[in-house]
PDB file of N, CA and C in Angstrom:
ATOM      1  N   UNK A   1     -76.135  97.250  11.165  1.00  0.00           N
ATOM      2  CA  UNK A   1     -76.486  96.064  10.412  1.00  0.00           C
ATOM      3  C   UNK A   1     -77.822  95.495  10.909  1.00  0.00           C
ATOM      4  N   UNK A   2     -77.954  95.417  12.233  1.00  0.00           N
ATOM      5  CA  UNK A   2     -79.185  94.869  12.798  1.00  0.00           C
ATOM      6  C   UNK A   2     -80.381  95.724  12.404  1.00  0.00           C
ATOM      7  N   UNK A   3     -80.226  97.044  12.464  1.00  0.00           N
ATOM      8  CA  UNK A   3     -81.335  97.926  12.106  1.00  0.00           C
ATOM      9  C   UNK A   3     -81.710  97.733  10.637  1.00  0.00           C
ATOM     10  N   UNK A   4     -80.702  97.598   9.773  1.00  0.00           N
ATOM     11  CA  UNK A   4     -80.982  97.370   8.354  1.00  0.00           C
ATOM     12  C   UNK A   4     -81.752  96.064   8.158  1.00  0.00           C
ATOM     13  N   UNK A   5     -81.346  95.023   8.883  1.00  0.00           N
ATOM     14  CA  UNK A   5     -82.044  93.739   8.787  1.00  0.00           C
ATOM     15  C   UNK A   5     -83.478  93.849   9.297  1.00  0.00           C
ATOM     16  N   UNK A   6     -83.643  94.565  10.413  1.00  0.00           N
ATOM     17  CA  UNK A   6     -84.991  94.738  10.958  1.00  0.00           C
ATOM     18  C   UNK A   6     -85.883  95.513   9.997  1.00  0.00           C
ATOM     19  N   UNK A   7     -85.320  96.560   9.386  1.00  0.00           N
ATOM     20  CA  UNK A   7     -86.090  97.333   8.407  1.00  0.00           C
ATOM     21  C   UNK A   7     -86.477  96.460   7.221  1.00  0.00           C
ATOM     22  N   UNK A   8     -85.533  95.655   6.741  1.00  0.00           N
ATOM     23  CA  UNK A   8     -85.809  94.777   5.598  1.00  0.00           C
ATOM     24  C   UNK A   8     -86.877  93.753   5.966  1.00  0.00           C
ATOM     25  N   UNK A   9     -86.787  93.189   7.165  1.00  0.00           N
ATOM     26  CA  UNK A   9     -87.786  92.221   7.606  1.00  0.00           C
ATOM     27  C   UNK A   9     -89.162  92.865   7.725  1.00  0.00           C
ATOM     28  N   UNK A  10     -89.188  94.067   8.286  1.00  0.00           N
ATOM     29  CA  UNK A  10     -90.451  94.782   8.417  1.00  0.00           C
ATOM     30  C   UNK A  10     -91.045  95.067   7.045  1.00  0.00           C
ATOM     31  N   UNK A  11     -90.190  95.516   6.123  1.00  0.00           N
ATOM     32  CA  UNK A  11     -90.661  95.815   4.760  1.00  0.00           C
ATOM     33  C   UNK A  11     -91.187  94.546   4.088  1.00  0.00           C
ATOM     34  N   UNK A  12     -90.494  93.445   4.278  1.00  0.00           N
ATOM     35  CA  UNK A  12     -90.950  92.190   3.680  1.00  0.00           C
ATOM     36  C   UNK A  12     -92.275  91.752   4.301  1.00  0.00           C
ATOM     37  N   UNK A  13     -92.406  91.941   5.607  1.00  0.00           N
ATOM     38  CA  UNK A  13     -93.667  91.596   6.263  1.00  0.00           C
ATOM     39  C   UNK A  13     -94.815  92.443   5.758  1.00  0.00           C
ATOM     40  N   UNK A  14     -94.556  93.726   5.567  1.00  0.00           N
ATOM     41  CA  UNK A  14     -95.586  94.600   5.007  1.00  0.00           C
ATOM     42  C   UNK A  14     -95.942  94.180   3.587  1.00  0.00           C
ATOM     43  N   UNK A  15     -94.932  93.842   2.805  1.00  0.00           N
ATOM     44  CA  UNK A  15     -95.192  93.398   1.434  1.00  0.00           C
ATOM     45  C   UNK A  15     -96.062  92.153   1.447  1.00  0.00           C
ATOM     46  N   UNK A  16     -95.766  91.240   2.362  1.00  0.00           N
ATOM     47  CA  UNK A  16     -96.578  90.029   2.481  1.00  0.00           C
ATOM     48  C   UNK A  16     -98.001  90.382   2.880  1.00  0.00           C
ATOM     49  N   UNK A  17     -98.154  91.267   3.846  1.00  0.00           N
ATOM     50  CA  UNK A  17     -99.493  91.638   4.306  1.00  0.00           C
ATOM     51  C   UNK A  17    -100.306  92.266   3.182  1.00  0.00           C
ATOM     52  N   UNK A  18     -99.696  93.174   2.447  1.00  0.00           N
ATOM     53  CA  UNK A  18    -100.414  93.810   1.347  1.00  0.00           C
ATOM     54  C   UNK A  18    -100.676  92.835   0.208  1.00  0.00           C
ATOM     55  N   UNK A  19     -99.742  91.907  -0.027  1.00  0.00           N
ATOM     56  CA  UNK A  19     -99.952  90.902  -1.073  1.00  0.00           C
ATOM     57  C   UNK A  19    -101.160  90.038  -0.749  1.00  0.00           C
ATOM     58  N   UNK A  20    -101.239  89.619   0.509  1.00  0.00           N
ATOM     59  CA  UNK A  20    -102.352  88.770   0.913  1.00  0.00           C
ATOM     60  C   UNK A  20    -103.664  89.541   0.840  1.00  0.00           C
ATOM     61  N   UNK A  21    -103.657  90.797   1.275  1.00  0.00           N
ATOM     62  CA  UNK A  21    -104.903  91.569   1.276  1.00  0.00           C
ATOM     63  C   UNK A  21    -105.388  91.861  -0.143  1.00  0.00           C
ATOM     64  N   UNK A  22    -104.487  91.922  -1.086  1.00  0.00           N
ATOM     65  CA  UNK A  22    -104.855  92.179  -2.471  1.00  0.00           C
ATOM     66  C   UNK A  22    -105.131  90.882  -3.235  1.00  0.00           C
ATOM     67  N   UNK A  23    -104.997  89.743  -2.579  1.00  0.00           N
ATOM     68  CA  UNK A  23    -105.252  88.474  -3.242  1.00  0.00           C
ATOM     69  C   UNK A  23    -104.107  88.022  -4.124  1.00  0.00           C
ATOM     70  N   UNK A  24    -102.905  88.487  -3.851  1.00  0.00           N
ATOM     71  CA  UNK A  24    -101.743  88.127  -4.643  1.00  0.00           C
ATOM     72  C   UNK A  24    -100.647  87.650  -3.714  1.00  0.00           C
ATOM     73  N   UNK A  25     -99.989  86.579  -4.104  1.00  0.00           N
ATOM     74  CA  UNK A  25     -98.852  86.084  -3.339  1.00  0.00           C
ATOM     75  C   UNK A  25     -97.695  85.836  -4.293  1.00  0.00           C
ATOM     76  N   UNK A  26     -96.527  86.158  -3.861  1.00  0.00           N
ATOM     77  CA  UNK A  26     -95.323  85.998  -4.665  1.00  0.00           C
ATOM     78  C   UNK A  26     -95.047  84.520  -4.900  1.00  0.00           C
ATOM     79  N   UNK A  27     -94.940  84.116  -6.147  1.00  0.00           N
ATOM     80  CA  UNK A  27     -94.655  82.710  -6.453  1.00  0.00           C
ATOM     81  C   UNK A  27     -93.163  82.434  -6.322  1.00  0.00           C
ATOM     82  N   UNK A  28     -92.829  81.159  -6.265  1.00  0.00           N
ATOM     83  CA  UNK A  28     -91.427  80.766  -6.202  1.00  0.00           C
ATOM     84  C   UNK A  28     -90.633  81.267  -7.391  1.00  0.00           C
ATOM     85  N   UNK A  29     -91.234  81.245  -8.568  1.00  0.00           N
ATOM     86  CA  UNK A  29     -90.545  81.727  -9.769  1.00  0.00           C
ATOM     87  C   UNK A  29     -90.205  83.207  -9.632  1.00  0.00           C
ATOM     88  N   UNK A  30     -91.173  84.005  -9.221  1.00  0.00           N
ATOM     89  CA  UNK A  30     -90.936  85.441  -9.039  1.00  0.00           C
ATOM     90  C   UNK A  30     -89.886  85.684  -7.954  1.00  0.00           C
ATOM     91  N   UNK A  31     -89.992  84.938  -6.889  1.00  0.00           N
ATOM     92  CA  UNK A  31     -89.066  85.045  -5.762  1.00  0.00           C
ATOM     93  C   UNK A  31     -87.631  84.769  -6.218  1.00  0.00           C
ATOM     94  N   UNK A  32     -87.435  83.714  -6.984  1.00  0.00           N
ATOM     95  CA  UNK A  32     -86.091  83.329  -7.410  1.00  0.00           C
ATOM     96  C   UNK A  32     -85.550  84.214  -8.533  1.00  0.00           C
ATOM     97  N   UNK A  33     -86.412  84.675  -9.427  1.00  0.00           N
ATOM     98  CA  UNK A  33     -85.950  85.410 -10.594  1.00  0.00           C
ATOM     99  C   UNK A  33     -85.884  86.925 -10.397  1.00  0.00           C
ATOM    100  N   UNK A  34     -86.750  87.472  -9.565  1.00  0.00           N
ATOM    101  CA  UNK A  34     -86.840  88.927  -9.459  1.00  0.00           C
ATOM    102  C   UNK A  34     -86.148  89.512  -8.232  1.00  0.00           C
ATOM    103  N   UNK A  35     -85.692  88.655  -7.337  1.00  0.00           N
ATOM    104  CA  UNK A  35     -85.055  89.152  -6.117  1.00  0.00           C
ATOM    105  C   UNK A  35     -83.613  88.673  -6.051  1.00  0.00           C
ATOM    106  N   UNK A  36     -82.746  89.531  -5.495  1.00  0.00           N
ATOM    107  CA  UNK A  36     -81.374  89.079  -5.253  1.00  0.00           C
ATOM    108  C   UNK A  36     -81.334  88.353  -3.902  1.00  0.00           C
ATOM    109  N   UNK A  37     -80.176  87.852  -3.552  1.00  0.00           N
ATOM    110  CA  UNK A  37     -80.045  87.041  -2.331  1.00  0.00           C
ATOM    111  C   UNK A  37     -80.477  87.811  -1.080  1.00  0.00           C
ATOM    112  N   UNK A  38     -80.061  89.066  -0.968  1.00  0.00           N
ATOM    113  CA  UNK A  38     -80.440  89.860   0.210  1.00  0.00           C
ATOM    114  C   UNK A  38     -81.947  90.089   0.277  1.00  0.00           C
ATOM    115  N   UNK A  39     -82.557  90.372  -0.863  1.00  0.00           N
ATOM    116  CA  UNK A  39     -84.006  90.583  -0.903  1.00  0.00           C
ATOM    117  C   UNK A  39     -84.756  89.303  -0.552  1.00  0.00           C
ATOM    118  N   UNK A  40     -84.270  88.184  -1.061  1.00  0.00           N
ATOM    119  CA  UNK A  40     -84.922  86.900  -0.725  1.00  0.00           C
ATOM    120  C   UNK A  40     -84.830  86.615   0.768  1.00  0.00           C
ATOM    121  N   UNK A  41     -83.662  86.885   1.346  1.00  0.00           N
ATOM    122  CA  UNK A  41     -83.496  86.671   2.786  1.00  0.00           C
ATOM    123  C   UNK A  41     -84.427  87.547   3.606  1.00  0.00           C
ATOM    124  N   UNK A  42     -84.529  88.808   3.225  1.00  0.00           N
ATOM    125  CA  UNK A  42     -85.416  89.728   3.940  1.00  0.00           C
ATOM    126  C   UNK A  42     -86.875  89.315   3.785  1.00  0.00           C
ATOM    127  N   UNK A  43     -87.246  88.884   2.588  1.00  0.00           N
ATOM    128  CA  UNK A  43     -88.629  88.463   2.345  1.00  0.00           C
ATOM    129  C   UNK A  43     -88.957  87.238   3.208  1.00  0.00           C
ATOM    130  N   UNK A  44     -88.050  86.250   3.216  1.00  0.00           N
ATOM    131  CA  UNK A  44     -88.291  85.054   4.032  1.00  0.00           C
ATOM    132  C   UNK A  44     -88.362  85.405   5.516  1.00  0.00           C
ATOM    133  N   UNK A  45     -87.482  86.299   5.970  1.00  0.00           N
ATOM    134  CA  UNK A  45     -87.540  86.733   7.367  1.00  0.00           C
ATOM    135  C   UNK A  45     -88.910  87.330   7.677  1.00  0.00           C
ATOM    136  N   UNK A  46     -89.424  88.141   6.773  1.00  0.00           N
ATOM    137  CA  UNK A  46     -90.735  88.751   6.974  1.00  0.00           C
ATOM    138  C   UNK A  46     -91.849  87.718   7.025  1.00  0.00           C
ATOM    139  N   UNK A  47     -91.778  86.723   6.149  1.00  0.00           N
ATOM    140  CA  UNK A  47     -92.788  85.652   6.151  1.00  0.00           C
ATOM    141  C   UNK A  47     -92.723  84.900   7.474  1.00  0.00           C
ATOM    142  N   UNK A  48     -91.517  84.532   7.890  1.00  0.00           N
ATOM    143  CA  UNK A  48     -91.358  83.769   9.134  1.00  0.00           C
ATOM    144  C   UNK A  48     -91.817  84.592  10.343  1.00  0.00           C
ATOM    145  N   UNK A  49     -91.445  85.848  10.381  1.00  0.00           N
ATOM    146  CA  UNK A  49     -91.841  86.679  11.514  1.00  0.00           C
ATOM    147  C   UNK A  49     -93.347  86.919  11.542  1.00  0.00           C
ATOM    148  N   UNK A  50     -93.961  87.004  10.388  1.00  0.00           N
ATOM    149  CA  UNK A  50     -95.419  87.124  10.325  1.00  0.00           C
ATOM    150  C   UNK A  50     -96.069  85.851  10.862  1.00  0.00           C
ATOM    151  N   UNK A  51     -95.532  84.698  10.478  1.00  0.00           N
ATOM    152  CA  UNK A  51     -96.065  83.428  10.986  1.00  0.00           C
ATOM    153  C   UNK A  51     -95.863  83.320  12.495  1.00  0.00           C
ATOM    154  N   UNK A  52     -94.728  83.810  13.003  1.00  0.00           N
ATOM    155  CA  UNK A  52     -94.506  83.792  14.448  1.00  0.00           C
ATOM    156  C   UNK A  52     -95.549  84.639  15.160  1.00  0.00           C
ATOM    157  N   UNK A  53     -95.921  85.755  14.575  1.00  0.00           N
ATOM    158  CA  UNK A  53     -96.931  86.623  15.160  1.00  0.00           C
ATOM    159  C   UNK A  53     -98.307  85.964  15.125  1.00  0.00           C
ATOM    160  N   UNK A  54     -98.636  85.353  14.003  1.00  0.00           N
ATOM    161  CA  UNK A  54     -99.948  84.731  13.832  1.00  0.00           C
ATOM    162  C   UNK A  54    -100.075  83.463  14.675  1.00  0.00           C
ATOM    163  N   UNK A  55     -99.003  82.693  14.730  1.00  0.00           N
ATOM    164  CA  UNK A  55     -99.010  81.413  15.456  1.00  0.00           C
ATOM    165  C   UNK A  55     -98.257  81.577  16.776  1.00  0.00           C
ATOM    166  N   UNK A  56     -98.803  82.389  17.653  1.00  0.00           N
ATOM    167  CA  UNK A  56     -98.130  82.730  18.900  1.00  0.00           C
ATOM    168  C   UNK A  56     -97.750  81.509  19.727  1.00  0.00           C
ATOM    169  N   UNK A  57     -98.596  80.482  19.718  1.00  0.00           N
ATOM    170  CA  UNK A  57     -98.310  79.282  20.508  1.00  0.00           C
ATOM    171  C   UNK A  57     -97.094  78.526  19.990  1.00  0.00           C
ATOM    172  N   UNK A  58     -96.774  78.704  18.719  1.00  0.00           N
ATOM    173  CA  UNK A  58     -95.643  78.005  18.104  1.00  0.00           C
ATOM    174  C   UNK A  58     -94.451  78.912  17.865  1.00  0.00           C
ATOM    175  N   UNK A  59     -94.503  80.143  18.330  1.00  0.00           N
ATOM    176  CA  UNK A  59     -93.462  81.109  17.972  1.00  0.00           C
ATOM    177  C   UNK A  59     -92.065  80.687  18.424  1.00  0.00           C
ATOM    178  N   UNK A  60     -91.938  80.086  19.599  1.00  0.00           N
ATOM    179  CA  UNK A  60     -90.610  79.641  20.049  1.00  0.00           C
ATOM    180  C   UNK A  60     -90.062  78.543  19.136  1.00  0.00           C
ATOM    181  N   UNK A  61     -90.921  77.630  18.739  1.00  0.00           N
ATOM    182  CA  UNK A  61     -90.509  76.554  17.842  1.00  0.00           C
ATOM    183  C   UNK A  61     -90.100  77.115  16.486  1.00  0.00           C
ATOM    184  N   UNK A  62     -90.892  78.045  15.964  1.00  0.00           N
ATOM    185  CA  UNK A  62     -90.590  78.652  14.668  1.00  0.00           C
ATOM    186  C   UNK A  62     -89.255  79.387  14.742  1.00  0.00           C
ATOM    187  N   UNK A  63     -89.060  80.143  15.812  1.00  0.00           N
ATOM    188  CA  UNK A  63     -87.808  80.876  16.013  1.00  0.00           C
ATOM    189  C   UNK A  63     -86.613  79.929  15.994  1.00  0.00           C
ATOM    190  N   UNK A  64     -86.694  78.844  16.761  1.00  0.00           N
ATOM    191  CA  UNK A  64     -85.587  77.877  16.818  1.00  0.00           C
ATOM    192  C   UNK A  64     -85.374  77.203  15.473  1.00  0.00           C
ATOM    193  N   UNK A  65     -86.459  76.792  14.829  1.00  0.00           N
ATOM    194  CA  UNK A  65     -86.323  76.099  13.536  1.00  0.00           C
ATOM    195  C   UNK A  65     -85.690  77.001  12.487  1.00  0.00           C
ATOM    196  N   UNK A  66     -86.186  78.203  12.328  1.00  0.00           N
ATOM    197  CA  UNK A  66     -85.732  79.058  11.229  1.00  0.00           C
ATOM    198  C   UNK A  66     -84.398  79.741  11.515  1.00  0.00           C
ATOM    199  N   UNK A  67     -84.228  80.281  12.705  1.00  0.00           N
ATOM    200  CA  UNK A  67     -83.041  81.082  12.982  1.00  0.00           C
ATOM    201  C   UNK A  67     -81.901  80.310  13.628  1.00  0.00           C
ATOM    202  N   UNK A  68     -82.186  79.172  14.256  1.00  0.00           N
ATOM    203  CA  UNK A  68     -81.132  78.461  14.972  1.00  0.00           C
ATOM    204  C   UNK A  68     -80.762  77.117  14.351  1.00  0.00           C
ATOM    205  N   UNK A  69     -81.399  76.756  13.258  1.00  0.00           N
ATOM    206  CA  UNK A  69     -81.093  75.502  12.577  1.00  0.00           C
ATOM    207  C   UNK A  69     -80.429  75.822  11.246  1.00  0.00           C
ATOM    208  N   UNK A  70     -79.220  75.341  11.051  1.00  0.00           N
ATOM    209  CA  UNK A  70     -78.478  75.641   9.827  1.00  0.00           C
ATOM    210  C   UNK A  70     -79.175  75.117   8.581  1.00  0.00           C
ATOM    211  N   UNK A  71     -79.859  74.014   8.685  1.00  0.00           N
ATOM    212  CA  UNK A  71     -80.473  73.386   7.506  1.00  0.00           C
ATOM    213  C   UNK A  71     -81.765  74.057   7.069  1.00  0.00           C
ATOM    214  N   UNK A  72     -82.353  74.922   7.880  1.00  0.00           N
ATOM    215  CA  UNK A  72     -83.668  75.483   7.561  1.00  0.00           C
ATOM    216  C   UNK A  72     -83.660  76.311   6.285  1.00  0.00           C
ATOM    217  N   UNK A  73     -82.657  77.153   6.082  1.00  0.00           N
ATOM    218  CA  UNK A  73     -82.611  77.987   4.873  1.00  0.00           C
ATOM    219  C   UNK A  73     -82.495  77.124   3.626  1.00  0.00           C
ATOM    220  N   UNK A  74     -81.643  76.128   3.680  1.00  0.00           N
ATOM    221  CA  UNK A  74     -81.486  75.224   2.533  1.00  0.00           C
ATOM    222  C   UNK A  74     -82.780  74.458   2.273  1.00  0.00           C
ATOM    223  N   UNK A  75     -83.473  74.067   3.325  1.00  0.00           N
ATOM    224  CA  UNK A  75     -84.741  73.353   3.178  1.00  0.00           C
ATOM    225  C   UNK A  75     -85.792  74.247   2.529  1.00  0.00           C
ATOM    226  N   UNK A  76     -85.901  75.478   2.989  1.00  0.00           N
ATOM    227  CA  UNK A  76     -86.888  76.404   2.431  1.00  0.00           C
ATOM    228  C   UNK A  76     -86.609  76.653   0.953  1.00  0.00           C
ATOM    229  N   UNK A  77     -85.367  76.978   0.620  1.00  0.00           N
ATOM    230  CA  UNK A  77     -85.014  77.249  -0.773  1.00  0.00           C
ATOM    231  C   UNK A  77     -85.208  76.001  -1.632  1.00  0.00           C
ATOM    232  N   UNK A  78     -84.889  74.838  -1.096  1.00  0.00           N
ATOM    233  CA  UNK A  78     -85.108  73.591  -1.827  1.00  0.00           C
ATOM    234  C   UNK A  78     -86.579  73.371  -2.149  1.00  0.00           C
ATOM    235  N   UNK A  79     -87.443  73.619  -1.184  1.00  0.00           N
ATOM    236  CA  UNK A  79     -88.884  73.465  -1.421  1.00  0.00           C
ATOM    237  C   UNK A  79     -89.412  74.509  -2.392  1.00  0.00           C
ATOM    238  N   UNK A  80     -88.886  75.714  -2.314  1.00  0.00           N
ATOM    239  CA  UNK A  80     -89.309  76.756  -3.259  1.00  0.00           C
ATOM    240  C   UNK A  80     -88.909  76.353  -4.674  1.00  0.00           C
ATOM    241  N   UNK A  81     -87.658  75.914  -4.843  1.00  0.00           N
ATOM    242  CA  UNK A  81     -87.200  75.490  -6.168  1.00  0.00           C
ATOM    243  C   UNK A  81     -87.980  74.298  -6.701  1.00  0.00           C
ATOM    244  N   UNK A  82     -88.441  73.436  -5.826  1.00  0.00           N
ATOM    245  CA  UNK A  82     -89.210  72.263  -6.251  1.00  0.00           C
ATOM    246  C   UNK A  82     -90.672  72.596  -6.549  1.00  0.00           C
ATOM    247  N   UNK A  83     -91.118  73.768  -6.111  1.00  0.00           N
ATOM    248  CA  UNK A  83     -92.527  74.161  -6.265  1.00  0.00           C
ATOM    249  C   UNK A  83     -92.624  75.610  -6.720  1.00  0.00           C
ATOM    250  N   UNK A  84     -91.986  75.939  -7.811  1.00  0.00           N
ATOM    251  CA  UNK A  84     -91.879  77.329  -8.261  1.00  0.00           C
ATOM    252  C   UNK A  84     -93.217  77.993  -8.549  1.00  0.00           C
ATOM    253  N   UNK A  85     -94.237  77.206  -8.843  1.00  0.00           N
ATOM    254  CA  UNK A  85     -95.540  77.788  -9.176  1.00  0.00           C
ATOM    255  C   UNK A  85     -96.358  78.153  -7.939  1.00  0.00           C
ATOM    256  N   UNK A  86     -95.922  77.722  -6.774  1.00  0.00           N
ATOM    257  CA  UNK A  86     -96.671  77.966  -5.533  1.00  0.00           C
ATOM    258  C   UNK A  86     -96.205  79.241  -4.841  1.00  0.00           C
ATOM    259  N   UNK A  87     -97.071  79.825  -4.015  1.00  0.00           N
ATOM    260  CA  UNK A  87     -96.681  81.026  -3.259  1.00  0.00           C
ATOM    261  C   UNK A  87     -95.620  80.695  -2.211  1.00  0.00           C
ATOM    262  N   UNK A  88     -94.630  81.540  -2.121  1.00  0.00           N
ATOM    263  CA  UNK A  88     -93.545  81.345  -1.158  1.00  0.00           C
ATOM    264  C   UNK A  88     -94.095  81.315   0.268  1.00  0.00           C
ATOM    265  N   UNK A  89     -95.018  82.199   0.573  1.00  0.00           N
ATOM    266  CA  UNK A  89     -95.583  82.241   1.931  1.00  0.00           C
ATOM    267  C   UNK A  89     -96.281  80.930   2.279  1.00  0.00           C
ATOM    268  N   UNK A  90     -96.933  80.311   1.311  1.00  0.00           N
ATOM    269  CA  UNK A  90     -97.587  79.025   1.536  1.00  0.00           C
ATOM    270  C   UNK A  90     -96.586  77.912   1.783  1.00  0.00           C
ATOM    271  N   UNK A  91     -95.495  77.928   1.027  1.00  0.00           N
ATOM    272  CA  UNK A  91     -94.443  76.923   1.204  1.00  0.00           C
ATOM    273  C   UNK A  91     -93.848  77.032   2.599  1.00  0.00           C
ATOM    274  N   UNK A  92     -93.537  78.244   3.020  1.00  0.00           N
ATOM    275  CA  UNK A  92     -92.965  78.440   4.360  1.00  0.00           C
ATOM    276  C   UNK A  92     -93.976  78.027   5.431  1.00  0.00           C
ATOM    277  N   UNK A  93     -95.232  78.339   5.221  1.00  0.00           N
ATOM    278  CA  UNK A  93     -96.277  77.961   6.174  1.00  0.00           C
ATOM    279  C   UNK A  93     -96.368  76.444   6.326  1.00  0.00           C
ATOM    280  N   UNK A  94     -96.269  75.732   5.240  1.00  0.00           N
ATOM    281  CA  UNK A  94     -96.314  74.267   5.284  1.00  0.00           C
ATOM    282  C   UNK A  94     -95.099  73.724   6.043  1.00  0.00           C
ATOM    283  N   UNK A  95     -93.930  74.289   5.776  1.00  0.00           N
ATOM    284  CA  UNK A  95     -92.721  73.841   6.489  1.00  0.00           C
ATOM    285  C   UNK A  95     -92.816  74.142   7.988  1.00  0.00           C
ATOM    286  N   UNK A  96     -93.371  75.288   8.339  1.00  0.00           N
ATOM    287  CA  UNK A  96     -93.566  75.618   9.752  1.00  0.00           C
ATOM    288  C   UNK A  96     -94.505  74.600  10.392  1.00  0.00           C
ATOM    289  N   UNK A  97     -95.581  74.276   9.690  1.00  0.00           N
ATOM    290  CA  UNK A  97     -96.532  73.293  10.224  1.00  0.00           C
ATOM    291  C   UNK A  97     -95.858  71.935  10.394  1.00  0.00           C
ATOM    292  N   UNK A  98     -95.018  71.560   9.433  1.00  0.00           N
ATOM    293  CA  UNK A  98     -94.311  70.282   9.499  1.00  0.00           C
ATOM    294  C   UNK A  98     -93.379  70.227  10.718  1.00  0.00           C
ATOM    295  N   UNK A  99     -92.683  71.319  10.983  1.00  0.00           N
ATOM    296  CA  UNK A  99     -91.695  71.330  12.047  1.00  0.00           C
ATOM    297  C   UNK A  99     -92.273  71.700  13.410  1.00  0.00           C
ATOM    298  N   UNK A 100     -93.341  72.490  13.422  1.00  0.00           N
ATOM    299  CA  UNK A 100     -93.823  73.025  14.693  1.00  0.00           C
ATOM    300  C   UNK A 100     -95.295  72.724  14.976  1.00  0.00           C
ATOM    301  N   UNK A 101     -95.952  72.029  14.073  1.00  0.00           N
ATOM    302  CA  UNK A 101     -97.357  71.702  14.274  1.00  0.00           C
ATOM    303  C   UNK A 101     -98.272  72.904  14.073  1.00  0.00           C
ATOM    304  N   UNK A 102     -99.540  72.647  14.331  1.00  0.00           N
ATOM    305  CA  UNK A 102    -100.534  73.714  14.289  1.00  0.00           C
ATOM    306  C   UNK A 102    -100.874  74.157  12.958  1.00  0.00           C
TER     307      UNK A 102
END
């Protein structure tokens, strides 16, 4: 199970990296309509893990906020649903900044 999750997270991170390099980011509408629950979870894990890598000084805070706080998933999905036209990676980045600074 862990290996499957790690593979999914890695794949989502790669998808994010290629999306950004091509000038395209997955919008909230696409995220909610084109992905099932497992795919959305893997994609969000990839976004969060990419942010942890990029924001090394805040990685412990990001880890605790996203993986150890029960309300974080509901908060992320709530913000995505409220801002369907915005890129999911941008929404998560804003929430990370709100909770962990930087």
